[in-house]
C-alpha atoms as a PDB file:
ATOM      1  CA  MET A   1      13.684 -90.904  -5.311  1.00  0.00           C
ATOM      2  CA  LYS A   2      10.604 -89.932  -3.295  1.00  0.00           C
ATOM      3  CA  LYS A   3      12.770 -87.740  -1.037  1.00  0.00           C
ATOM      4  CA  THR A   4      14.219 -86.015  -4.095  1.00  0.00           C
ATOM      5  CA  LYS A   5      10.775 -85.241  -5.513  1.00  0.00           C
ATOM      6  CA  SER A   6       9.588 -83.989  -2.137  1.00  0.00           C
ATOM      7  CA  TYR A   7      12.596 -81.685  -1.897  1.00  0.00           C
ATOM      8  CA  LEU A   8      12.006 -80.268  -5.390  1.00  0.00           C
ATOM      9  CA  PHE A   9       8.325 -79.721  -4.653  1.00  0.00           C
ATOM     10  CA  THR A  10       9.176 -77.834  -1.480  1.00  0.00           C
ATOM     11  CA  CYS A  11      11.653 -75.569  -3.350  1.00  0.00           C
ATOM     12  CA  LEU A  12       9.132 -74.824  -6.083  1.00  0.00           C
ATOM     13  CA  ALA A  13       6.505 -74.017  -3.506  1.00  0.00           C
ATOM     14  CA  LEU A  14       8.826 -71.576  -1.733  1.00  0.00           C
ATOM     15  CA  VAL A  15       9.707 -69.846  -5.008  1.00  0.00           C
ATOM     16  CA  ALA A  16       6.046 -69.539  -5.946  1.00  0.00           C
ATOM     17  CA  MET A  17       5.186 -68.149  -2.505  1.00  0.00           C
ATOM     18  CA  THR A  18       7.988 -65.563  -2.741  1.00  0.00           C
ATOM     19  CA  PHE A  19       6.858 -64.476  -6.210  1.00  0.00           C
ATOM     20  CA  TRP A  20       3.230 -64.252  -5.119  1.00  0.00           C
ATOM     21  CA  THR A  21       4.178 -62.179  -2.063  1.00  0.00           C
ATOM     22  CA  ALA A  22       6.275 -59.786  -4.157  1.00  0.00           C
ATOM     23  CA  CYS A  23       3.475 -59.324  -6.662  1.00  0.00           C
ATOM     24  CA  SER A  24       1.017 -58.734  -3.832  1.00  0.00           C
ATOM     25  CA  ASP A  25       3.271 -56.030  -2.353  1.00  0.00           C
ATOM     26  CA  ASP A  26       3.631 -54.323  -5.756  1.00  0.00           C
ATOM     27  CA  GLU A  27      -0.102 -54.395  -6.317  1.00  0.00           C
ATOM     28  CA  SER A  28      -0.817 -52.948  -2.871  1.00  0.00           C
ATOM     29  CA  THR A  29       1.662 -50.035  -3.227  1.00  0.00           C
ATOM     30  CA  PRO A  30       0.383 -47.229  -5.511  1.00  0.00           C
ATOM     31  CA  ASP A  31       2.532 -45.791  -8.256  1.00  0.00           C
ATOM     32  CA  GLY A  32       4.895 -42.978  -7.321  1.00  0.00           C
ATOM     33  CA  PRO A  33       4.011 -39.327  -7.913  1.00  0.00           C
ATOM     34  CA  ALA A  34       4.194 -37.666 -11.333  1.00  0.00           C
ATOM     35  CA  VAL A  35       5.078 -33.965 -11.779  1.00  0.00           C
ATOM     36  CA  SER A  36       4.269 -31.875 -14.861  1.00  0.00           C
ATOM     37  CA  LEU A  37       4.941 -28.201 -15.592  1.00  0.00           C
ATOM     38  CA  SER A  38       2.955 -25.888 -17.851  1.00  0.00           C
ATOM     39  CA  LYS A  39       6.352 -24.628 -19.096  1.00  0.00           C
ATOM     40  CA  GLU A  40       9.729 -26.305 -18.744  1.00  0.00           C
ATOM     41  CA  ASP A  41      11.862 -23.594 -20.346  1.00  0.00           C
ATOM     42  CA  VAL A  42      11.180 -19.888 -19.814  1.00  0.00           C
ATOM     43  CA  SER A  43      13.013 -16.891 -21.282  1.00  0.00           C
ATOM     44  CA  GLY A  44      12.493 -13.243 -20.426  1.00  0.00           C
ATOM     45  CA  LYS A  45      13.995  -9.884 -19.598  1.00  0.00           C
ATOM     46  CA  THR A  46      14.979  -8.605 -16.181  1.00  0.00           C
ATOM     47  CA  GLY A  47      12.000  -7.386 -14.213  1.00  0.00           C
ATOM     48  CA  GLN A  48       9.516  -9.564 -16.079  1.00  0.00           C
ATOM     49  CA  ASN A  49       7.443 -12.035 -14.043  1.00  0.00           C
ATOM     50  CA  ILE A  50       7.259 -15.795 -14.550  1.00  0.00           C
ATOM     51  CA  GLU A  51       4.178 -17.888 -13.776  1.00  0.00           C
ATOM     52  CA  VAL A  52       4.286 -21.670 -14.152  1.00  0.00           C
ATOM     53  CA  LYS A  53       1.604 -24.208 -13.196  1.00  0.00           C
ATOM     54  CA  VAL A  54       2.980 -27.222 -11.301  1.00  0.00           C
ATOM     55  CA  ASN A  55       0.684 -30.258 -11.374  1.00  0.00           C
ATOM     56  CA  VAL A  56       1.313 -33.305  -9.178  1.00  0.00           C
ATOM     57  CA  ALA A  57      -0.509 -36.641  -9.446  1.00  0.00           C
ATOM     58  CA  ALA A  58       0.192 -38.779  -6.370  1.00  0.00           C
ATOM     59  CA  PRO A  59      -1.930 -41.957  -6.123  1.00  0.00           C
ATOM     60  CA  GLY A  60      -0.266 -42.727  -2.792  1.00  0.00           C
ATOM     61  CA  GLY A  61      -1.084 -39.274  -1.408  1.00  0.00           C
ATOM     62  CA  LEU A  62       1.188 -36.250  -1.675  1.00  0.00           C
ATOM     63  CA  LYS A  63       3.328 -35.805   1.431  1.00  0.00           C
ATOM     64  CA  SER A  64       5.586 -32.905   0.399  1.00  0.00           C
ATOM     65  CA  LEU A  65       6.481 -30.622  -2.512  1.00  0.00           C
ATOM     66  CA  THR A  66       9.754 -28.716  -2.430  1.00  0.00           C
ATOM     67  CA  VAL A  67      11.598 -26.365  -4.800  1.00  0.00           C
ATOM     68  CA  THR A  68      15.363 -25.943  -4.966  1.00  0.00           C
ATOM     69  CA  LYS A  69      17.166 -23.357  -7.058  1.00  0.00           C
ATOM     70  CA  GLN A  70      20.436 -23.761  -8.920  1.00  0.00           C
ATOM     71  CA  VAL A  71      22.555 -21.056 -10.546  1.00  0.00           C
ATOM     72  CA  ASN A  72      25.204 -22.341 -12.950  1.00  0.00           C
ATOM     73  CA  LEU A  73      24.563 -25.830 -11.540  1.00  0.00           C
ATOM     74  CA  GLN A  74      25.299 -24.711  -7.965  1.00  0.00           C
ATOM     75  CA  ASN A  75      22.612 -24.600  -5.265  1.00  0.00           C
ATOM     76  CA  ASP A  76      21.501 -21.053  -4.426  1.00  0.00           C
ATOM     77  CA  ASN A  77      21.306 -21.007  -0.633  1.00  0.00           C
ATOM     78  CA  THR A  78      19.701 -17.553  -0.645  1.00  0.00           C
ATOM     79  CA  PHE A  79      16.522 -19.094  -2.082  1.00  0.00           C
ATOM     80  CA  GLY A  80      13.865 -20.202   0.412  1.00  0.00           C
ATOM     81  CA  THR A  81      15.382 -21.664   3.578  1.00  0.00           C
ATOM     82  CA  ASN A  82      18.975 -22.720   2.975  1.00  0.00           C
ATOM     83  CA  GLY A  83      18.194 -23.118  -0.701  1.00  0.00           C
ATOM     84  CA  VAL A  84      14.923 -25.015  -0.344  1.00  0.00           C
ATOM     85  CA  GLN A  85      11.395 -23.660  -0.566  1.00  0.00           C
ATOM     86  CA  THR A  86       8.744 -25.938   0.938  1.00  0.00           C
ATOM     87  CA  ILE A  87       5.279 -25.565  -0.534  1.00  0.00           C
ATOM     88  CA  GLN A  88       2.514 -25.417   2.066  1.00  0.00           C
ATOM     89  CA  LEU A  89       0.102 -28.263   1.271  1.00  0.00           C
ATOM     90  CA  PRO A  90      -3.521 -28.652   2.436  1.00  0.00           C
ATOM     91  CA  ALA A  91      -4.011 -30.500   5.732  1.00  0.00           C
ATOM     92  CA  THR A  92      -5.809 -33.383   4.025  1.00  0.00           C
ATOM     93  CA  ALA A  93      -3.921 -35.792   1.797  1.00  0.00           C
ATOM     94  CA  GLN A  94      -3.930 -34.833  -1.877  1.00  0.00           C
ATOM     95  CA  ASN A  95      -3.869 -37.278  -4.782  1.00  0.00           C
ATOM     96  CA  ASN A  96      -3.898 -34.412  -7.274  1.00  0.00           C
ATOM     97  CA  TYR A  97      -2.443 -31.025  -6.483  1.00  0.00           C
ATOM     98  CA  GLU A  98      -1.769 -27.834  -8.467  1.00  0.00           C
ATOM     99  CA  HIS A  99       0.642 -25.093  -7.424  1.00  0.00           C
ATOM    100  CA  THR A 100       1.319 -21.776  -9.173  1.00  0.00           C
ATOM    101  CA  PHE A 101       5.015 -20.950  -9.100  1.00  0.00           C
ATOM    102  CA  THR A 102       5.967 -17.288  -9.578  1.00  0.00           C
ATOM    103  CA  TYR A 103       9.371 -15.680 -10.021  1.00  0.00           C
ATOM    104  CA  THR A 104      10.848 -12.439 -11.355  1.00  0.00           C
ATOM    105  CA  HIS A 105      13.766 -12.409 -13.791  1.00  0.00           C
ATOM    106  CA  ALA A 106      16.641 -10.975 -11.732  1.00  0.00           C
ATOM    107  CA  PRO A 107      19.274  -8.507 -13.011  1.00  0.00           C
ATOM    108  CA  ASN A 108      22.125 -10.488 -11.433  1.00  0.00           C
ATOM    109  CA  GLU A 109      21.094 -13.645 -13.308  1.00  0.00           C
ATOM    110  CA  VAL A 110      21.548 -12.303 -16.830  1.00  0.00           C
ATOM    111  CA  ASP A 111      23.224 -14.886 -19.089  1.00  0.00           C
ATOM    112  CA  LYS A 112      23.429 -17.446 -16.258  1.00  0.00           C
ATOM    113  CA  LEU A 113      21.975 -20.948 -16.180  1.00  0.00           C
ATOM    114  CA  VAL A 114      19.154 -20.907 -13.634  1.00  0.00           C
ATOM    115  CA  GLY A 115      17.072 -23.944 -12.772  1.00  0.00           C
ATOM    116  CA  PHE A 116      14.291 -24.761 -10.307  1.00  0.00           C
ATOM    117  CA  THR A 117      13.844 -28.402  -9.292  1.00  0.00           C
ATOM    118  CA  PHE A 118      10.376 -29.438  -8.105  1.00  0.00           C
ATOM    119  CA  LYS A 119      10.469 -32.582  -5.955  1.00  0.00           C
ATOM    120  CA  ALA A 120       7.279 -34.420  -5.003  1.00  0.00           C
ATOM    121  CA  THR A 121       7.283 -37.096  -2.270  1.00  0.00           C
ATOM    122  CA  ASP A 122       4.286 -39.331  -1.566  1.00  0.00           C
ATOM    123  CA  ALA A 123       3.179 -40.995   1.657  1.00  0.00           C
ATOM    124  CA  ASN A 124       5.155 -44.133   0.759  1.00  0.00           C
ATOM    125  CA  GLY A 125       8.422 -42.232   0.330  1.00  0.00           C
ATOM    126  CA  LYS A 126       8.441 -42.417  -3.458  1.00  0.00           C
ATOM    127  CA  THR A 127       9.795 -39.279  -5.149  1.00  0.00           C
ATOM    128  CA  THR A 128       9.783 -37.610  -8.563  1.00  0.00           C
ATOM    129  CA  GLU A 129      11.580 -34.468  -9.776  1.00  0.00           C
ATOM    130  CA  LYS A 130      10.965 -31.998 -12.596  1.00  0.00           C
ATOM    131  CA  VAL A 131      13.216 -29.087 -13.616  1.00  0.00           C
ATOM    132  CA  LEU A 132      12.223 -25.622 -14.830  1.00  0.00           C
ATOM    133  CA  THR A 133      14.975 -23.796 -16.749  1.00  0.00           C
ATOM    134  CA  VAL A 134      14.969 -19.980 -16.637  1.00  0.00           C
ATOM    135  CA  ASN A 135      16.905 -17.862 -19.126  1.00  0.00           C
ATOM    136  CA  THR A 136      17.285 -14.152 -18.317  1.00  0.00           C
ATOM    137  CA  VAL A 137      18.502 -11.403 -20.632  1.00  0.00           C
ATOM    138  CA  ALA A 138      19.040  -7.745 -19.776  1.00  0.00           C
ATOM    139  CA  SER A 139      16.027  -5.501 -20.242  1.00  0.00           C
ATOM    140  CA  GLY A 140      16.378  -2.200 -22.053  1.00  0.00           C
ATOM    141  CA  GLU A 141      16.025  -0.436 -18.731  1.00  0.00           C
ATOM    142  CA  GLN A 142      18.872  -2.431 -17.187  1.00  0.00           C
ATOM    143  CA  ILE A 143      21.077  -1.740 -20.201  1.00  0.00           C
ATOM    144  CA  ILE A 144      20.446   1.991 -19.889  1.00  0.00           C
ATOM    145  CA  TYR A 145      21.181   2.269 -16.162  1.00  0.00           C
ATOM    146  CA  SER A 146      24.250   0.019 -16.352  1.00  0.00           C
ATOM    147  CA  TYR A 147      26.417   2.307 -18.501  1.00  0.00           C
ATOM    148  CA  ARG A 148      27.502   5.877 -19.119  1.00  0.00           C
ATOM    149  CA  TRP A 149      26.171   7.111 -22.474  1.00  0.00           C
ATOM    150  CA  ASN A 150      28.484   9.316 -24.506  1.00  0.00           C
ATOM    151  CA  LEU A 151      26.997  11.528 -27.205  1.00  0.00           C
ATOM    152  CA  LYS A 152      28.590  10.565 -30.526  1.00  0.00           C
ATOM    153  CA  GLY A 153      26.165  11.792 -33.140  1.00  0.00           C
ATOM    154  CA  LYS A 154      23.380  14.313 -33.675  1.00  0.00           C
ATOM    155  CA  MET A 155      21.783  14.349 -37.106  1.00  0.00           C
ATOM    156  CA  HIS A 156      19.072  16.701 -38.295  1.00  0.00           C
ATOM    157  CA  THR A 157      17.105  14.293 -40.464  1.00  0.00           C
ATOM    158  CA  THR A 158      14.311  16.561 -41.692  1.00  0.00           C
ATOM    159  CA  PRO A 159      16.416  18.169 -44.459  1.00  0.00           C
ATOM    160  CA  ASN A 160      17.378  16.100 -47.470  1.00  0.00           C
ATOM    161  CA  PRO A 161      20.145  15.079 -47.193  1.00  0.00           C
ATOM    162  CA  ASP A 162      20.607  14.786 -43.433  1.00  0.00           C
ATOM    163  CA  VAL A 163      22.668  17.462 -41.717  1.00  0.00           C
ATOM    164  CA  ASN A 164      25.281  16.751 -39.045  1.00  0.00           C
ATOM    165  CA  ASP A 165      24.168  18.996 -36.170  1.00  0.00           C
ATOM    166  CA  LEU A 166      26.671  17.876 -33.514  1.00  0.00           C
ATOM    167  CA  LYS A 167      28.557  20.904 -32.257  1.00  0.00           C
ATOM    168  CA  ASP A 168      32.185  20.609 -31.149  1.00  0.00           C
ATOM    169  CA  CYS A 169      31.265  21.671 -27.636  1.00  0.00           C
ATOM    170  CA  GLU A 170      28.860  18.691 -27.431  1.00  0.00           C
ATOM    171  CA  THR A 171      31.358  16.001 -28.399  1.00  0.00           C
ATOM    172  CA  ASP A 172      32.360  15.260 -24.799  1.00  0.00           C
ATOM    173  CA  ASP A 173      28.841  15.301 -23.335  1.00  0.00           C
ATOM    174  CA  SER A 174      27.798  12.166 -21.448  1.00  0.00           C
ATOM    175  CA  PHE A 175      24.673  11.027 -19.642  1.00  0.00           C
ATOM    176  CA  VAL A 176      24.183   8.739 -16.648  1.00  0.00           C
ATOM    177  CA  TYR A 177      20.783   7.189 -15.989  1.00  0.00           C
ATOM    178  CA  ASN A 178      20.275   5.682 -12.552  1.00  0.00           C
ATOM    179  CA  GLN A 179      18.154   2.677 -11.629  1.00  0.00           C
ATOM    180  CA  ASN A 180      15.957   4.834  -9.375  1.00  0.00           C
ATOM    181  CA  GLY A 181      14.892   7.011 -12.330  1.00  0.00           C
ATOM    182  CA  THR A 182      17.213   9.951 -11.667  1.00  0.00           C
ATOM    183  CA  MET A 183      19.863  11.118 -14.128  1.00  0.00           C
ATOM    184  CA  ALA A 184      22.876  13.382 -14.459  1.00  0.00           C
ATOM    185  CA  VAL A 185      24.604  15.143 -17.356  1.00  0.00           C
ATOM    186  CA  ASN A 186      28.327  15.758 -17.654  1.00  0.00           C
ATOM    187  CA  TYR A 187      29.111  18.485 -20.190  1.00  0.00           C
ATOM    188  CA  GLY A 188      32.840  17.717 -20.223  1.00  0.00           C
ATOM    189  CA  THR A 189      35.503  20.352 -20.668  1.00  0.00           C
ATOM    190  CA  LYS A 190      34.098  21.858 -23.867  1.00  0.00           C
ATOM    191  CA  ALA A 191      30.888  23.285 -22.462  1.00  0.00           C
ATOM    192  CA  CYS A 192      28.469  25.072 -24.765  1.00  0.00           C
ATOM    193  CA  THR A 193      27.163  28.545 -23.903  1.00  0.00           C
ATOM    194  CA  PHE A 194      23.806  27.392 -22.547  1.00  0.00           C
ATOM    195  CA  ASP A 195      24.888  24.146 -20.880  1.00  0.00           C
ATOM    196  CA  GLY A 196      23.359  23.824 -17.438  1.00  0.00           C
ATOM    197  CA  PHE A 197      20.424  26.125 -18.178  1.00  0.00           C
ATOM    198  CA  ASN A 198      18.231  23.016 -18.295  1.00  0.00           C
ATOM    199  CA  VAL A 199      18.493  20.876 -15.150  1.00  0.00           C
ATOM    200  CA  TYR A 200      17.851  17.224 -16.050  1.00  0.00           C
ATOM    201  CA  SER A 201      16.295  15.181 -13.274  1.00  0.00           C
ATOM    202  CA  GLY A 202      14.597  12.003 -14.525  1.00  0.00           C
ATOM    203  CA  TRP A 203      14.116   9.424 -17.231  1.00  0.00           C
ATOM    204  CA  THR A 204      11.774   6.594 -18.195  1.00  0.00           C
ATOM    205  CA  LEU A 205      11.592   3.761 -20.690  1.00  0.00           C
ATOM    206  CA  SER A 206       8.204   2.397 -21.695  1.00  0.00           C
ATOM    207  CA  ALA A 207       7.354  -1.256 -21.053  1.00  0.00           C
ATOM    208  CA  ASP A 208       7.577  -2.034 -24.764  1.00  0.00           C
ATOM    209  CA  GLU A 209      10.997  -0.302 -24.842  1.00  0.00           C
ATOM    210  CA  LYS A 210       9.940   1.903 -27.750  1.00  0.00           C
ATOM    211  CA  THR A 211       9.631   5.261 -25.970  1.00  0.00           C
ATOM    212  CA  PHE A 212      12.269   7.015 -23.878  1.00  0.00           C
ATOM    213  CA  THR A 213      11.739  10.254 -21.939  1.00  0.00           C
ATOM    214  CA  GLN A 214      13.969  12.790 -20.201  1.00  0.00           C
ATOM    215  CA  THR A 215      12.649  15.424 -17.814  1.00  0.00           C
ATOM    216  CA  TYR A 216      14.272  18.752 -17.115  1.00  0.00           C
ATOM    217  CA  SER A 217      13.376  22.043 -15.460  1.00  0.00           C
ATOM    218  CA  SER A 218      14.588  25.574 -16.082  1.00  0.00           C
ATOM    219  CA  LEU A 219      17.526  26.675 -13.971  1.00  0.00           C
ATOM    220  CA  PHE A 220      15.876  30.072 -13.530  1.00  0.00           C
ATOM    221  CA  ASP A 221      12.319  28.815 -13.056  1.00  0.00           C
ATOM    222  CA  PRO A 222      12.194  25.271 -11.578  1.00  0.00           C
ATOM    223  CA  SER A 223       8.404  25.236 -11.919  1.00  0.00           C
ATOM    224  CA  LYS A 224       8.832  25.192 -15.701  1.00  0.00           C
ATOM    225  CA  VAL A 225       9.202  21.461 -16.411  1.00  0.00           C
ATOM    226  CA  THR A 226       9.705  19.925 -19.848  1.00  0.00           C
ATOM    227  CA  VAL A 227       9.482  16.252 -20.824  1.00  0.00           C
ATOM    228  CA  GLU A 228      11.429  15.240 -23.921  1.00  0.00           C
ATOM    229  CA  THR A 229       9.941  12.218 -25.667  1.00  0.00           C
ATOM    230  CA  TYR A 230      12.137  10.091 -27.911  1.00  0.00           C
ATOM    231  CA  LYS A 231      11.523   7.123 -30.153  1.00  0.00           C
ATOM    232  CA  VAL A 232      13.995   4.312 -29.449  1.00  0.00           C
ATOM    233  CA  LYS A 233      15.436   3.327 -32.818  1.00  0.00           C
ATOM    234  CA  SER A 234      17.951   0.852 -31.413  1.00  0.00           C
ATOM    235  CA  LEU A 235      19.309  -0.151 -28.028  1.00  0.00           C
ATOM    236  CA  THR A 236      22.147  -2.565 -27.253  1.00  0.00           C
ATOM    237  CA  LYS A 237      24.804  -2.752 -24.555  1.00  0.00           C
ATOM    238  CA  ASP A 238      27.106  -0.886 -26.937  1.00  0.00           C
ATOM    239  CA  ARG A 239      24.949   1.793 -28.563  1.00  0.00           C
ATOM    240  CA  MET A 240      21.674   3.652 -28.180  1.00  0.00           C
ATOM    241  CA  VAL A 241      19.989   5.600 -30.987  1.00  0.00           C
ATOM    242  CA  LEU A 242      17.101   7.947 -30.150  1.00  0.00           C
ATOM    243  CA  GLU A 243      14.898  10.087 -32.366  1.00  0.00           C
ATOM    244  CA  ILE A 244      12.950  13.169 -31.345  1.00  0.00           C
ATOM    245  CA  THR A 245      10.607  15.481 -33.243  1.00  0.00           C
ATOM    246  CA  MET A 246      10.659  19.125 -32.142  1.00  0.00           C
ATOM    247  CA  ASP A 247       8.590  22.213 -32.892  1.00  0.00           C
ATOM    248  CA  LEU A 248      11.067  24.831 -34.116  1.00  0.00           C
ATOM    249  CA  SER A 249       8.563  26.961 -35.997  1.00  0.00           C
ATOM    250  CA  GLU A 250       9.176  29.892 -33.627  1.00  0.00           C
ATOM    251  CA  PHE A 251      12.593  30.292 -35.262  1.00  0.00           C
ATOM    252  CA  GLY A 252      10.994  30.837 -38.655  1.00  0.00           C
ATOM    253  CA  PRO A 253      11.857  29.285 -42.044  1.00  0.00           C
ATOM    254  CA  PRO A 254      13.309  26.879 -42.897  1.00  0.00           C
ATOM    255  CA  TYR A 255      12.321  25.394 -39.538  1.00  0.00           C
ATOM    256  CA  THR A 256       8.883  23.859 -39.072  1.00  0.00           C
ATOM    257  CA  ALA A 257       6.775  22.385 -36.309  1.00  0.00           C
ATOM    258  CA  ASN A 258       8.095  18.910 -37.139  1.00  0.00           C
ATOM    259  CA  GLU A 259      11.877  18.910 -37.132  1.00  0.00           C
ATOM    260  CA  THR A 260      13.402  15.489 -36.477  1.00  0.00           C
ATOM    261  CA  PHE A 261      16.780  14.843 -34.859  1.00  0.00           C
ATOM    262  CA  GLU A 262      18.579  11.537 -34.336  1.00  0.00           C
ATOM    263  CA  TYR A 263      20.970  11.156 -31.392  1.00  0.00           C
ATOM    264  CA  THR A 264      23.568   8.390 -31.161  1.00  0.00           C
ATOM    265  CA  PHE A 265      25.173   7.427 -27.859  1.00  0.00           C
ATOM    266  CA  ASP A 266      27.963   4.924 -27.242  1.00  0.00           C
ATOM    267  CA  ALA A 267      28.242   3.073 -23.953  1.00  0.00           C
ATOM    268  CA  SER A 268      31.230   3.140 -21.634  1.00  0.00           C
ATOM    269  CA  PRO A 269      31.735   1.869 -18.057  1.00  0.00           C
ATOM    270  CA  LYS A 270      29.593   3.697 -15.556  1.00  0.00           C
ATOM    271  CA  GLN A 271      31.890   5.568 -13.177  1.00  0.00           C
END
């Protein structure tokens, strides 16, 4: 009986020692790192910049902070070094660290699922991850330079009612706007009498996408440069509608200094 009690006491003592040791180890090892982002889901247009604050709390001391990029759930090996960007940390151990992550919405990532995974590792090997999701849509500028724009409508909207001012010789006109700001006009096979007298060379779209300009010079006097300024009434990947106000008072009545025209263009593949 005494041997049985002694055996039970020894077992209980071993269990208690094991539990105490485990608790001691847990108490001596700090909690793992925690990562928080100022934004976890960002949407924007191509060309726009992203700025996100990455905050890491690492009671055990931050050892490393890395960023990996995924596109449609696949690692993007063109990002950083073989798909991983390692953040340069201060030489001294950090229990709290803030990093500013910057990125630009890319044209080739429109309508794709893009994610950035931030992984923090502390001095004890404990890790935590946080994901930033980036949604990119085409900017107005990208839409314009991605297609050929075919003239489909030209309305003189100053009179009441509006007057269709699209001439037959203009019905096959098309415009190409390049990403570098240059442009070209194709007058088709039904050229008007004065087609080509104005040599179009450049275009712009304002940052707020409300103002569009075209620049041309005179064929006979290149130093004479004119900038046409349009109001963007609508812009999609299928159609663009522009409005311009022109001074036609030199032609006499019924024309005035504020004659408004609305141009409609339909998109087709850029060739």
